[in-house]
């Protein structure tokens, strides 16, 4: 399983991201393995979390309450092999929507999305 860490800044339109992973052969990818996004919302605002595939429109994953962690499963039809994704964190009652950089995700990966306090 590969884990990617993404940090979203609420004051910027695009946040920085870094990835920690170990290499694995494409033969090891199980297309039926669930792909998870774990949101560490350190901000006060509740956030509506969206995933955006390379081609297509955004898909709502759920709400990450302020100062809590939430876990969402990315729908299997979005991650059938190595896929490019972005994540949006839309603050409820706010007017800025931070966007992650594009990252590569495979079935069975876990993405950790950190939303820092403002």
PDB file of N, CA and C in Angstrom:
ATOM      1  N   UNK A   1       0.841  -1.170   0.000  1.00  0.00           N
ATOM      2  CA  UNK A   1       0.000   0.000   0.000  1.00  0.00           C
ATOM      3  C   UNK A   1       0.885   1.232   0.000  1.00  0.00           C
ATOM      4  N   UNK A   2       0.574   2.175  -0.848  1.00  0.00           N
ATOM      5  CA  UNK A   2       1.281   3.439  -0.920  1.00  0.00           C
ATOM      6  C   UNK A   2       0.481   4.464  -0.139  1.00  0.00           C
ATOM      7  N   UNK A   3       1.159   5.338   0.579  1.00  0.00           N
ATOM      8  CA  UNK A   3       0.494   6.401   1.309  1.00  0.00           C
ATOM      9  C   UNK A   3       0.998   7.724   0.787  1.00  0.00           C
ATOM     10  N   UNK A   4       0.082   8.600   0.429  1.00  0.00           N
ATOM     11  CA  UNK A   4       0.445   9.939  -0.033  1.00  0.00           C
ATOM     12  C   UNK A   4      -0.058  10.942   0.981  1.00  0.00           C
ATOM     13  N   UNK A   5       0.759  11.930   1.294  1.00  0.00           N
ATOM     14  CA  UNK A   5       0.382  12.979   2.232  1.00  0.00           C
ATOM     15  C   UNK A   5       0.178  14.261   1.455  1.00  0.00           C
ATOM     16  N   UNK A   6      -0.969  14.895   1.670  1.00  0.00           N
ATOM     17  CA  UNK A   6      -1.271  16.153   1.004  1.00  0.00           C
ATOM     18  C   UNK A   6      -1.641  17.160   2.080  1.00  0.00           C
ATOM     19  N   UNK A   7      -1.137  18.364   1.931  1.00  0.00           N
ATOM     20  CA  UNK A   7      -1.455  19.437   2.853  1.00  0.00           C
ATOM     21  C   UNK A   7      -2.218  20.501   2.094  1.00  0.00           C
ATOM     22  N   UNK A   8      -3.342  20.962   2.625  1.00  0.00           N
ATOM     23  CA  UNK A   8      -4.116  22.022   1.986  1.00  0.00           C
ATOM     24  C   UNK A   8      -4.025  23.273   2.838  1.00  0.00           C
ATOM     25  N   UNK A   9      -3.701  24.383   2.224  1.00  0.00           N
ATOM     26  CA  UNK A   9      -3.677  25.661   2.930  1.00  0.00           C
ATOM     27  C   UNK A   9      -4.964  26.407   2.604  1.00  0.00           C
ATOM     28  N   UNK A  10      -5.660  26.875   3.624  1.00  0.00           N
ATOM     29  CA  UNK A  10      -6.935  27.536   3.413  1.00  0.00           C
ATOM     30  C   UNK A  10      -6.787  28.920   2.793  1.00  0.00           C
ATOM     31  N   UNK A  11      -5.613  29.505   2.870  1.00  0.00           N
ATOM     32  CA  UNK A  11      -5.445  30.851   2.338  1.00  0.00           C
ATOM     33  C   UNK A  11      -4.943  30.861   0.904  1.00  0.00           C
ATOM     34  N   UNK A  12      -4.626  29.713   0.355  1.00  0.00           N
ATOM     35  CA  UNK A  12      -4.094  29.645  -1.005  1.00  0.00           C
ATOM     36  C   UNK A  12      -5.024  28.867  -1.907  1.00  0.00           C
ATOM     37  N   UNK A  13      -4.980  29.170  -3.181  1.00  0.00           N
ATOM     38  CA  UNK A  13      -5.829  28.448  -4.124  1.00  0.00           C
ATOM     39  C   UNK A  13      -5.290  27.045  -4.368  1.00  0.00           C
ATOM     40  N   UNK A  14      -3.981  26.902  -4.394  1.00  0.00           N
ATOM     41  CA  UNK A  14      -3.379  25.591  -4.594  1.00  0.00           C
ATOM     42  C   UNK A  14      -2.412  25.338  -3.454  1.00  0.00           C
ATOM     43  N   UNK A  15      -2.514  24.172  -2.861  1.00  0.00           N
ATOM     44  CA  UNK A  15      -1.653  23.828  -1.737  1.00  0.00           C
ATOM     45  C   UNK A  15      -0.472  23.000  -2.210  1.00  0.00           C
ATOM     46  N   UNK A  16       0.484  22.822  -1.326  1.00  0.00           N
ATOM     47  CA  UNK A  16       1.634  21.988  -1.657  1.00  0.00           C
ATOM     48  C   UNK A  16       1.327  20.550  -1.295  1.00  0.00           C
ATOM     49  N   UNK A  17       2.024  19.655  -1.927  1.00  0.00           N
ATOM     50  CA  UNK A  17       1.845  18.253  -1.587  1.00  0.00           C
ATOM     51  C   UNK A  17       3.184  17.556  -1.642  1.00  0.00           C
ATOM     52  N   UNK A  18       3.282  16.510  -0.874  1.00  0.00           N
ATOM     53  CA  UNK A  18       4.450  15.643  -0.943  1.00  0.00           C
ATOM     54  C   UNK A  18       3.954  14.222  -0.816  1.00  0.00           C
ATOM     55  N   UNK A  19       4.685  13.313  -1.360  1.00  0.00           N
ATOM     56  CA  UNK A  19       4.242  11.923  -1.321  1.00  0.00           C
ATOM     57  C   UNK A  19       5.330  11.056  -0.733  1.00  0.00           C
ATOM     58  N   UNK A  20       4.919  10.118   0.089  1.00  0.00           N
ATOM     59  CA  UNK A  20       5.814   9.101   0.619  1.00  0.00           C
ATOM     60  C   UNK A  20       5.287   7.780   0.091  1.00  0.00           C
ATOM     61  N   UNK A  21       6.137   7.052  -0.564  1.00  0.00           N
ATOM     62  CA  UNK A  21       5.651   5.795  -1.113  1.00  0.00           C
ATOM     63  C   UNK A  21       6.799   4.823  -1.268  1.00  0.00           C
ATOM     64  N   UNK A  22       6.418   3.574  -1.428  1.00  0.00           N
ATOM     65  CA  UNK A  22       7.400   2.573  -1.791  1.00  0.00           C
ATOM     66  C   UNK A  22       6.999   2.074  -3.166  1.00  0.00           C
ATOM     67  N   UNK A  23       7.975   1.774  -3.972  1.00  0.00           N
ATOM     68  CA  UNK A  23       7.681   1.325  -5.335  1.00  0.00           C
ATOM     69  C   UNK A  23       7.123  -0.081  -5.313  1.00  0.00           C
ATOM     70  N   UNK A  24       6.164  -0.322  -6.180  1.00  0.00           N
ATOM     71  CA  UNK A  24       5.631  -1.673  -6.322  1.00  0.00           C
ATOM     72  C   UNK A  24       5.304  -1.897  -7.785  1.00  0.00           C
ATOM     73  N   UNK A  25       5.446  -3.095  -8.195  1.00  0.00           N
ATOM     74  CA  UNK A  25       5.196  -3.438  -9.589  1.00  0.00           C
ATOM     75  C   UNK A  25       3.713  -3.355  -9.886  1.00  0.00           C
ATOM     76  N   UNK A  26       3.382  -3.034 -11.128  1.00  0.00           N
ATOM     77  CA  UNK A  26       1.973  -2.929 -11.489  1.00  0.00           C
ATOM     78  C   UNK A  26       1.261  -4.268 -11.352  1.00  0.00           C
ATOM     79  N   UNK A  27       1.994  -5.375 -11.370  1.00  0.00           N
ATOM     80  CA  UNK A  27       1.376  -6.692 -11.198  1.00  0.00           C
ATOM     81  C   UNK A  27       0.852  -6.871  -9.783  1.00  0.00           C
ATOM     82  N   UNK A  28       1.373  -6.094  -8.824  1.00  0.00           N
ATOM     83  CA  UNK A  28       0.932  -6.202  -7.439  1.00  0.00           C
ATOM     84  C   UNK A  28      -0.345  -5.421  -7.158  1.00  0.00           C
ATOM     85  N   UNK A  29      -0.802  -4.595  -8.089  1.00  0.00           N
ATOM     86  CA  UNK A  29      -1.981  -3.762  -7.870  1.00  0.00           C
ATOM     87  C   UNK A  29      -3.233  -4.617  -7.964  1.00  0.00           C
ATOM     88  N   UNK A  30      -3.995  -4.642  -6.877  1.00  0.00           N
ATOM     89  CA  UNK A  30      -5.271  -5.360  -6.843  1.00  0.00           C
ATOM     90  C   UNK A  30      -6.377  -4.368  -7.189  1.00  0.00           C
ATOM     91  N   UNK A  31      -7.004  -4.491  -8.371  1.00  0.00           N
ATOM     92  CA  UNK A  31      -8.010  -3.509  -8.771  1.00  0.00           C
ATOM     93  C   UNK A  31      -9.253  -3.500  -7.880  1.00  0.00           C
ATOM     94  N   UNK A  32      -9.415  -4.514  -7.038  1.00  0.00           N
ATOM     95  CA  UNK A  32     -10.577  -4.564  -6.148  1.00  0.00           C
ATOM     96  C   UNK A  32     -10.286  -4.011  -4.758  1.00  0.00           C
ATOM     97  N   UNK A  33      -9.037  -3.656  -4.482  1.00  0.00           N
ATOM     98  CA  UNK A  33      -8.688  -3.126  -3.168  1.00  0.00           C
ATOM     99  C   UNK A  33      -9.279  -1.725  -3.005  1.00  0.00           C
ATOM    100  N   UNK A  34      -9.863  -1.430  -1.835  1.00  0.00           N
ATOM    101  CA  UNK A  34     -10.439  -0.090  -1.630  1.00  0.00           C
ATOM    102  C   UNK A  34      -9.340   0.969  -1.539  1.00  0.00           C
ATOM    103  N   UNK A  35      -9.620   2.119  -2.107  1.00  0.00           N
ATOM    104  CA  UNK A  35      -8.713   3.264  -2.027  1.00  0.00           C
ATOM    105  C   UNK A  35      -9.328   4.250  -1.035  1.00  0.00           C
ATOM    106  N   UNK A  36      -8.538   4.637  -0.054  1.00  0.00           N
ATOM    107  CA  UNK A  36      -9.039   5.418   1.079  1.00  0.00           C
ATOM    108  C   UNK A  36      -8.427   6.813   1.069  1.00  0.00           C
ATOM    109  N   UNK A  37      -9.216   7.805   1.457  1.00  0.00           N
ATOM    110  CA  UNK A  37      -8.684   9.131   1.762  1.00  0.00           C
ATOM    111  C   UNK A  37      -9.027   9.411   3.225  1.00  0.00           C
ATOM    112  N   UNK A  38      -7.994   9.688   3.998  1.00  0.00           N
ATOM    113  CA  UNK A  38      -8.147   9.998   5.421  1.00  0.00           C
ATOM    114  C   UNK A  38      -7.891  11.499   5.559  1.00  0.00           C
ATOM    115  N   UNK A  39      -8.891  12.230   6.071  1.00  0.00           N
ATOM    116  CA  UNK A  39      -8.806  13.680   6.183  1.00  0.00           C
ATOM    117  C   UNK A  39      -8.542  14.053   7.636  1.00  0.00           C
ATOM    118  N   UNK A  40      -7.438  14.763   7.858  1.00  0.00           N
ATOM    119  CA  UNK A  40      -7.098  15.298   9.177  1.00  0.00           C
ATOM    120  C   UNK A  40      -7.415  16.789   9.132  1.00  0.00           C
ATOM    121  N   UNK A  41      -8.632  17.130   9.531  1.00  0.00           N
ATOM    122  CA  UNK A  41      -9.083  18.525   9.467  1.00  0.00           C
ATOM    123  C   UNK A  41      -8.695  19.229  10.763  1.00  0.00           C
ATOM    124  N   UNK A  42      -7.599  19.972  10.720  1.00  0.00           N
ATOM    125  CA  UNK A  42      -7.117  20.705  11.883  1.00  0.00           C
ATOM    126  C   UNK A  42      -7.698  22.107  11.944  1.00  0.00           C
ATOM    127  N   UNK A  43      -8.495  22.475  10.960  1.00  0.00           N
ATOM    128  CA  UNK A  43      -9.117  23.795  10.895  1.00  0.00           C
ATOM    129  C   UNK A  43     -10.404  23.825  11.706  1.00  0.00           C
ATOM    130  N   UNK A  44     -10.908  25.017  11.969  1.00  0.00           N
ATOM    131  CA  UNK A  44     -12.150  25.193  12.708  1.00  0.00           C
ATOM    132  C   UNK A  44     -13.364  24.827  11.849  1.00  0.00           C
ATOM    133  N   UNK A  45     -13.316  25.231  10.556  1.00  0.00           N
ATOM    134  CA  UNK A  45     -14.460  25.013   9.673  1.00  0.00           C
ATOM    135  C   UNK A  45     -14.662  23.544   9.330  1.00  0.00           C
ATOM    136  N   UNK A  46     -15.932  23.141   9.226  1.00  0.00           N
ATOM    137  CA  UNK A  46     -16.254  21.853   8.628  1.00  0.00           C
ATOM    138  C   UNK A  46     -15.965  21.984   7.131  1.00  0.00           C
ATOM    139  N   UNK A  47     -15.511  20.894   6.510  1.00  0.00           N
ATOM    140  CA  UNK A  47     -15.144  20.922   5.098  1.00  0.00           C
ATOM    141  C   UNK A  47     -15.894  19.845   4.325  1.00  0.00           C
ATOM    142  N   UNK A  48     -16.422  20.218   3.181  1.00  0.00           N
ATOM    143  CA  UNK A  48     -16.962  19.236   2.257  1.00  0.00           C
ATOM    144  C   UNK A  48     -15.795  18.798   1.376  1.00  0.00           C
ATOM    145  N   UNK A  49     -15.539  17.492   1.347  1.00  0.00           N
ATOM    146  CA  UNK A  49     -14.390  16.943   0.630  1.00  0.00           C
ATOM    147  C   UNK A  49     -14.852  16.376  -0.709  1.00  0.00           C
ATOM    148  N   UNK A  50     -14.137  16.769  -1.762  1.00  0.00           N
ATOM    149  CA  UNK A  50     -14.420  16.301  -3.118  1.00  0.00           C
ATOM    150  C   UNK A  50     -13.169  15.660  -3.702  1.00  0.00           C
ATOM    151  N   UNK A  51     -13.355  14.690  -4.564  1.00  0.00           N
ATOM    152  CA  UNK A  51     -12.268  14.115  -5.363  1.00  0.00           C
ATOM    153  C   UNK A  51     -12.553  14.487  -6.815  1.00  0.00           C
ATOM    154  N   UNK A  52     -11.472  14.813  -7.538  1.00  0.00           N
ATOM    155  CA  UNK A  52     -11.617  15.202  -8.935  1.00  0.00           C
ATOM    156  C   UNK A  52     -10.669  14.358  -9.770  1.00  0.00           C
ATOM    157  N   UNK A  53     -11.214  13.477 -10.619  1.00  0.00           N
ATOM    158  CA  UNK A  53     -10.347  12.690 -11.502  1.00  0.00           C
ATOM    159  C   UNK A  53      -9.741  13.574 -12.573  1.00  0.00           C
ATOM    160  N   UNK A  54      -8.719  13.055 -13.246  1.00  0.00           N
ATOM    161  CA  UNK A  54      -8.023  13.797 -14.297  1.00  0.00           C
ATOM    162  C   UNK A  54      -9.002  14.263 -15.366  1.00  0.00           C
ATOM    163  N   UNK A  55      -9.934  13.413 -15.704  1.00  0.00           N
ATOM    164  CA  UNK A  55     -10.963  13.766 -16.678  1.00  0.00           C
ATOM    165  C   UNK A  55     -12.314  13.567 -15.997  1.00  0.00           C
ATOM    166  N   UNK A  56     -13.085  14.612 -15.898  1.00  0.00           N
ATOM    167  CA  UNK A  56     -14.397  14.491 -15.284  1.00  0.00           C
ATOM    168  C   UNK A  56     -14.648  15.589 -14.275  1.00  0.00           C
ATOM    169  N   UNK A  57     -15.812  15.526 -13.684  1.00  0.00           N
ATOM    170  CA  UNK A  57     -16.189  16.543 -12.712  1.00  0.00           C
ATOM    171  C   UNK A  57     -15.966  16.023 -11.296  1.00  0.00           C
ATOM    172  N   UNK A  58     -16.003  16.938 -10.343  1.00  0.00           N
ATOM    173  CA  UNK A  58     -15.740  16.567  -8.957  1.00  0.00           C
ATOM    174  C   UNK A  58     -16.867  15.697  -8.400  1.00  0.00           C
ATOM    175  N   UNK A  59     -16.498  14.853  -7.452  1.00  0.00           N
ATOM    176  CA  UNK A  59     -17.435  13.941  -6.815  1.00  0.00           C
ATOM    177  C   UNK A  59     -17.329  14.132  -5.308  1.00  0.00           C
ATOM    178  N   UNK A  60     -18.441  14.391  -4.668  1.00  0.00           N
ATOM    179  CA  UNK A  60     -18.471  14.623  -3.225  1.00  0.00           C
ATOM    180  C   UNK A  60     -18.215  13.327  -2.474  1.00  0.00           C
ATOM    181  N   UNK A  61     -17.234  13.357  -1.547  1.00  0.00           N
ATOM    182  CA  UNK A  61     -16.943  12.198  -0.709  1.00  0.00           C
ATOM    183  C   UNK A  61     -17.653  12.276   0.635  1.00  0.00           C
ATOM    184  N   UNK A  62     -17.789  13.481   1.184  1.00  0.00           N
ATOM    185  CA  UNK A  62     -18.455  13.642   2.471  1.00  0.00           C
ATOM    186  C   UNK A  62     -17.976  14.889   3.181  1.00  0.00           C
ATOM    187  N   UNK A  63     -18.333  14.988   4.466  1.00  0.00           N
ATOM    188  CA  UNK A  63     -17.982  16.154   5.277  1.00  0.00           C
ATOM    189  C   UNK A  63     -16.978  15.749   6.342  1.00  0.00           C
ATOM    190  N   UNK A  64     -15.916  16.551   6.454  1.00  0.00           N
ATOM    191  CA  UNK A  64     -14.920  16.382   7.516  1.00  0.00           C
ATOM    192  C   UNK A  64     -15.152  17.505   8.518  1.00  0.00           C
ATOM    193  N   UNK A  65     -15.645  17.151   9.679  1.00  0.00           N
ATOM    194  CA  UNK A  65     -15.933  18.119  10.727  1.00  0.00           C
ATOM    195  C   UNK A  65     -14.642  18.763  11.208  1.00  0.00           C
ATOM    196  N   UNK A  66     -14.712  20.032  11.609  1.00  0.00           N
ATOM    197  CA  UNK A  66     -13.541  20.747  12.096  1.00  0.00           C
ATOM    198  C   UNK A  66     -12.926  20.062  13.305  1.00  0.00           C
ATOM    199  N   UNK A  67     -11.604  20.074  13.369  1.00  0.00           N
ATOM    200  CA  UNK A  67     -10.820  19.503  14.475  1.00  0.00           C
ATOM    201  C   UNK A  67     -11.041  18.007  14.666  1.00  0.00           C
ATOM    202  N   UNK A  68     -11.322  17.290  13.589  1.00  0.00           N
ATOM    203  CA  UNK A  68     -11.492  15.836  13.671  1.00  0.00           C
ATOM    204  C   UNK A  68     -10.834  15.177  12.457  1.00  0.00           C
ATOM    205  N   UNK A  69     -10.831  13.854  12.488  1.00  0.00           N
ATOM    206  CA  UNK A  69     -10.379  13.069  11.344  1.00  0.00           C
ATOM    207  C   UNK A  69     -11.580  12.349  10.754  1.00  0.00           C
ATOM    208  N   UNK A  70     -11.578  12.220   9.442  1.00  0.00           N
ATOM    209  CA  UNK A  70     -12.644  11.506   8.742  1.00  0.00           C
ATOM    210  C   UNK A  70     -11.992  10.575   7.724  1.00  0.00           C
ATOM    211  N   UNK A  71     -12.690   9.514   7.388  1.00  0.00           N
ATOM    212  CA  UNK A  71     -12.170   8.525   6.443  1.00  0.00           C
ATOM    213  C   UNK A  71     -13.240   8.271   5.383  1.00  0.00           C
ATOM    214  N   UNK A  72     -12.829   8.345   4.121  1.00  0.00           N
ATOM    215  CA  UNK A  72     -13.745   8.133   3.009  1.00  0.00           C
ATOM    216  C   UNK A  72     -13.137   7.129   2.036  1.00  0.00           C
ATOM    217  N   UNK A  73     -13.987   6.343   1.404  1.00  0.00           N
ATOM    218  CA  UNK A  73     -13.557   5.420   0.363  1.00  0.00           C
ATOM    219  C   UNK A  73     -13.803   6.082  -0.987  1.00  0.00           C
ATOM    220  N   UNK A  74     -12.761   6.121  -1.805  1.00  0.00           N
ATOM    221  CA  UNK A  74     -12.901   6.675  -3.149  1.00  0.00           C
ATOM    222  C   UNK A  74     -13.597   5.613  -3.999  1.00  0.00           C
ATOM    223  N   UNK A  75     -14.653   5.984  -4.719  1.00  0.00           N
ATOM    224  CA  UNK A  75     -15.379   4.993  -5.529  1.00  0.00           C
ATOM    225  C   UNK A  75     -14.444   4.240  -6.477  1.00  0.00           C
ATOM    226  N   UNK A  76     -14.670   2.934  -6.588  1.00  0.00           N
ATOM    227  CA  UNK A  76     -13.802   2.066  -7.394  1.00  0.00           C
ATOM    228  C   UNK A  76     -13.747   2.467  -8.860  1.00  0.00           C
ATOM    229  N   UNK A  77     -14.838   3.031  -9.386  1.00  0.00           N
ATOM    230  CA  UNK A  77     -14.826   3.402 -10.809  1.00  0.00           C
ATOM    231  C   UNK A  77     -13.862   4.554 -11.097  1.00  0.00           C
ATOM    232  N   UNK A  78     -13.416   5.283 -10.067  1.00  0.00           N
ATOM    233  CA  UNK A  78     -12.450   6.359 -10.266  1.00  0.00           C
ATOM    234  C   UNK A  78     -11.009   5.874 -10.233  1.00  0.00           C
ATOM    235  N   UNK A  79     -10.767   4.740  -9.546  1.00  0.00           N
ATOM    236  CA  UNK A  79      -9.399   4.242  -9.372  1.00  0.00           C
ATOM    237  C   UNK A  79      -9.363   2.775  -9.793  1.00  0.00           C
ATOM    238  N   UNK A  80      -9.239   2.528 -11.103  1.00  0.00           N
ATOM    239  CA  UNK A  80      -9.181   1.157 -11.607  1.00  0.00           C
ATOM    240  C   UNK A  80      -7.743   0.717 -11.860  1.00  0.00           C
ATOM    241  N   UNK A  81      -6.849   1.673 -11.991  1.00  0.00           N
ATOM    242  CA  UNK A  81      -5.412   1.431 -12.155  1.00  0.00           C
ATOM    243  C   UNK A  81      -4.723   2.687 -11.622  1.00  0.00           C
ATOM    244  N   UNK A  82      -3.503   2.944 -12.023  1.00  0.00           N
ATOM    245  CA  UNK A  82      -2.840   4.174 -11.587  1.00  0.00           C
ATOM    246  C   UNK A  82      -3.608   5.355 -12.179  1.00  0.00           C
ATOM    247  N   UNK A  83      -4.079   6.249 -11.307  1.00  0.00           N
ATOM    248  CA  UNK A  83      -4.973   7.328 -11.697  1.00  0.00           C
ATOM    249  C   UNK A  83      -4.499   8.649 -11.118  1.00  0.00           C
ATOM    250  N   UNK A  84      -4.659   9.724 -11.867  1.00  0.00           N
ATOM    251  CA  UNK A  84      -4.353  11.064 -11.369  1.00  0.00           C
ATOM    252  C   UNK A  84      -5.596  11.655 -10.732  1.00  0.00           C
ATOM    253  N   UNK A  85      -5.455  12.132  -9.489  1.00  0.00           N
ATOM    254  CA  UNK A  85      -6.571  12.730  -8.760  1.00  0.00           C
ATOM    255  C   UNK A  85      -6.147  14.044  -8.125  1.00  0.00           C
ATOM    256  N   UNK A  86      -7.128  14.895  -7.882  1.00  0.00           N
ATOM    257  CA  UNK A  86      -6.985  16.105  -7.066  1.00  0.00           C
ATOM    258  C   UNK A  86      -8.080  16.055  -6.006  1.00  0.00           C
ATOM    259  N   UNK A  87      -7.874  16.789  -4.934  1.00  0.00           N
ATOM    260  CA  UNK A  87      -8.865  16.859  -3.865  1.00  0.00           C
ATOM    261  C   UNK A  87      -9.203  18.315  -3.577  1.00  0.00           C
ATOM    262  N   UNK A  88     -10.484  18.586  -3.341  1.00  0.00           N
ATOM    263  CA  UNK A  88     -10.967  19.900  -2.958  1.00  0.00           C
ATOM    264  C   UNK A  88     -11.459  19.808  -1.524  1.00  0.00           C
ATOM    265  N   UNK A  89     -11.214  20.843  -0.740  1.00  0.00           N
ATOM    266  CA  UNK A  89     -11.776  20.964   0.602  1.00  0.00           C
ATOM    267  C   UNK A  89     -12.539  22.282   0.636  1.00  0.00           C
ATOM    268  N   UNK A  90     -13.849  22.188   0.564  1.00  0.00           N
ATOM    269  CA  UNK A  90     -14.714  23.369   0.495  1.00  0.00           C
ATOM    270  C   UNK A  90     -15.227  23.704   1.892  1.00  0.00           C
ATOM    271  N   UNK A  91     -14.754  24.808   2.509  1.00  0.00           N
ATOM    272  CA  UNK A  91     -15.203  25.133   3.856  1.00  0.00           C
ATOM    273  C   UNK A  91     -16.681  25.522   3.868  1.00  0.00           C
ATOM    274  N   UNK A  92     -17.428  24.938   4.771  1.00  0.00           N
ATOM    275  CA  UNK A  92     -18.845  25.265   4.907  1.00  0.00           C
ATOM    276  C   UNK A  92     -18.922  26.645   5.547  1.00  0.00           C
ATOM    277  N   UNK A  93     -19.574  27.568   4.880  1.00  0.00           N
ATOM    278  CA  UNK A  93     -19.667  28.938   5.357  1.00  0.00           C
ATOM    279  C   UNK A  93     -18.467  29.781   4.970  1.00  0.00           C
ATOM    280  N   UNK A  94     -17.568  29.236   4.165  1.00  0.00           N
ATOM    281  CA  UNK A  94     -16.389  29.985   3.725  1.00  0.00           C
ATOM    282  C   UNK A  94     -16.483  30.310   2.249  1.00  0.00           C
ATOM    283  N   UNK A  95     -15.487  31.040   1.751  1.00  0.00           N
ATOM    284  CA  UNK A  95     -15.541  31.424   0.342  1.00  0.00           C
ATOM    285  C   UNK A  95     -14.306  30.998  -0.443  1.00  0.00           C
ATOM    286  N   UNK A  96     -13.412  30.224   0.135  1.00  0.00           N
ATOM    287  CA  UNK A  96     -12.229  29.734  -0.579  1.00  0.00           C
ATOM    288  C   UNK A  96     -12.226  28.216  -0.565  1.00  0.00           C
ATOM    289  N   UNK A  97     -11.871  27.634  -1.689  1.00  0.00           N
ATOM    290  CA  UNK A  97     -11.812  26.183  -1.782  1.00  0.00           C
ATOM    291  C   UNK A  97     -10.396  25.766  -2.142  1.00  0.00           C
ATOM    292  N   UNK A  98      -9.608  25.305  -1.170  1.00  0.00           N
ATOM    293  CA  UNK A  98      -8.257  24.855  -1.484  1.00  0.00           C
ATOM    294  C   UNK A  98      -8.288  23.591  -2.344  1.00  0.00           C
ATOM    295  N   UNK A  99      -7.311  23.495  -3.224  1.00  0.00           N
ATOM    296  CA  UNK A  99      -7.196  22.372  -4.145  1.00  0.00           C
ATOM    297  C   UNK A  99      -5.812  21.759  -3.971  1.00  0.00           C
ATOM    298  N   UNK A 100      -5.753  20.440  -3.949  1.00  0.00           N
ATOM    299  CA  UNK A 100      -4.452  19.776  -3.863  1.00  0.00           C
ATOM    300  C   UNK A 100      -3.804  19.747  -5.240  1.00  0.00           C
ATOM    301  N   UNK A 101      -2.513  19.494  -5.257  1.00  0.00           N
ATOM    302  CA  UNK A 101      -1.844  19.226  -6.517  1.00  0.00           C
ATOM    303  C   UNK A 101      -2.314  17.866  -7.009  1.00  0.00           C
ATOM    304  N   UNK A 102      -2.083  17.590  -8.259  1.00  0.00           N
ATOM    305  CA  UNK A 102      -2.466  16.305  -8.828  1.00  0.00           C
ATOM    306  C   UNK A 102      -1.512  15.230  -8.302  1.00  0.00           C
ATOM    307  N   UNK A 103      -2.066  14.111  -7.858  1.00  0.00           N
ATOM    308  CA  UNK A 103      -1.242  13.006  -7.373  1.00  0.00           C
ATOM    309  C   UNK A 103      -1.658  11.719  -8.081  1.00  0.00           C
ATOM    310  N   UNK A 104      -0.752  10.754  -8.090  1.00  0.00           N
ATOM    311  CA  UNK A 104      -1.013   9.444  -8.689  1.00  0.00           C
ATOM    312  C   UNK A 104      -1.488   8.499  -7.590  1.00  0.00           C
ATOM    313  N   UNK A 105      -2.616   7.853  -7.801  1.00  0.00           N
ATOM    314  CA  UNK A 105      -3.218   6.950  -6.832  1.00  0.00           C
ATOM    315  C   UNK A 105      -3.514   5.627  -7.516  1.00  0.00           C
ATOM    316  N   UNK A 106      -3.262   4.526  -6.806  1.00  0.00           N
ATOM    317  CA  UNK A 106      -3.559   3.184  -7.305  1.00  0.00           C
ATOM    318  C   UNK A 106      -4.584   2.531  -6.388  1.00  0.00           C
ATOM    319  N   UNK A 107      -5.304   1.517  -6.863  1.00  0.00           N
ATOM    320  CA  UNK A 107      -6.216   0.790  -5.983  1.00  0.00           C
ATOM    321  C   UNK A 107      -5.468   0.275  -4.755  1.00  0.00           C
ATOM    322  N   UNK A 108      -6.069   0.428  -3.583  1.00  0.00           N
ATOM    323  CA  UNK A 108      -5.465  -0.025  -2.338  1.00  0.00           C
ATOM    324  C   UNK A 108      -4.626   1.026  -1.629  1.00  0.00           C
ATOM    325  N   UNK A 109      -4.402   2.173  -2.265  1.00  0.00           N
ATOM    326  CA  UNK A 109      -3.624   3.237  -1.640  1.00  0.00           C
ATOM    327  C   UNK A 109      -4.434   3.950  -0.563  1.00  0.00           C
ATOM    328  N   UNK A 110      -3.717   4.607   0.331  1.00  0.00           N
ATOM    329  CA  UNK A 110      -4.347   5.474   1.323  1.00  0.00           C
ATOM    330  C   UNK A 110      -3.761   6.870   1.152  1.00  0.00           C
ATOM    331  N   UNK A 111      -4.627   7.840   0.952  1.00  0.00           N
ATOM    332  CA  UNK A 111      -4.223   9.232   0.815  1.00  0.00           C
ATOM    333  C   UNK A 111      -4.559   9.928   2.120  1.00  0.00           C
ATOM    334  N   UNK A 112      -3.593  10.659   2.678  1.00  0.00           N
ATOM    335  CA  UNK A 112      -3.834  11.420   3.899  1.00  0.00           C
ATOM    336  C   UNK A 112      -3.861  12.890   3.528  1.00  0.00           C
ATOM    337  N   UNK A 113      -4.999  13.514   3.743  1.00  0.00           N
ATOM    338  CA  UNK A 113      -5.225  14.904   3.413  1.00  0.00           C
ATOM    339  C   UNK A 113      -5.227  15.704   4.713  1.00  0.00           C
ATOM    340  N   UNK A 114      -4.239  16.583   4.895  1.00  0.00           N
ATOM    341  CA  UNK A 114      -4.152  17.401   6.108  1.00  0.00           C
ATOM    342  C   UNK A 114      -4.588  18.812   5.797  1.00  0.00           C
ATOM    343  N   UNK A 115      -5.559  19.297   6.555  1.00  0.00           N
ATOM    344  CA  UNK A 115      -6.023  20.663   6.419  1.00  0.00           C
ATOM    345  C   UNK A 115      -5.542  21.410   7.665  1.00  0.00           C
ATOM    346  N   UNK A 116      -4.544  22.286   7.507  1.00  0.00           N
ATOM    347  CA  UNK A 116      -3.965  22.946   8.670  1.00  0.00           C
ATOM    348  C   UNK A 116      -4.911  23.996   9.257  1.00  0.00           C
ATOM    349  N   UNK A 117      -4.703  24.364  10.529  1.00  0.00           N
ATOM    350  CA  UNK A 117      -5.517  25.423  11.121  1.00  0.00           C
ATOM    351  C   UNK A 117      -5.198  26.744  10.433  1.00  0.00           C
ATOM    352  N   UNK A 118      -6.159  27.654  10.437  1.00  0.00           N
ATOM    353  CA  UNK A 118      -5.920  28.948   9.794  1.00  0.00           C
ATOM    354  C   UNK A 118      -5.342  29.940  10.760  1.00  0.00           C
TER     355      UNK A 118
END
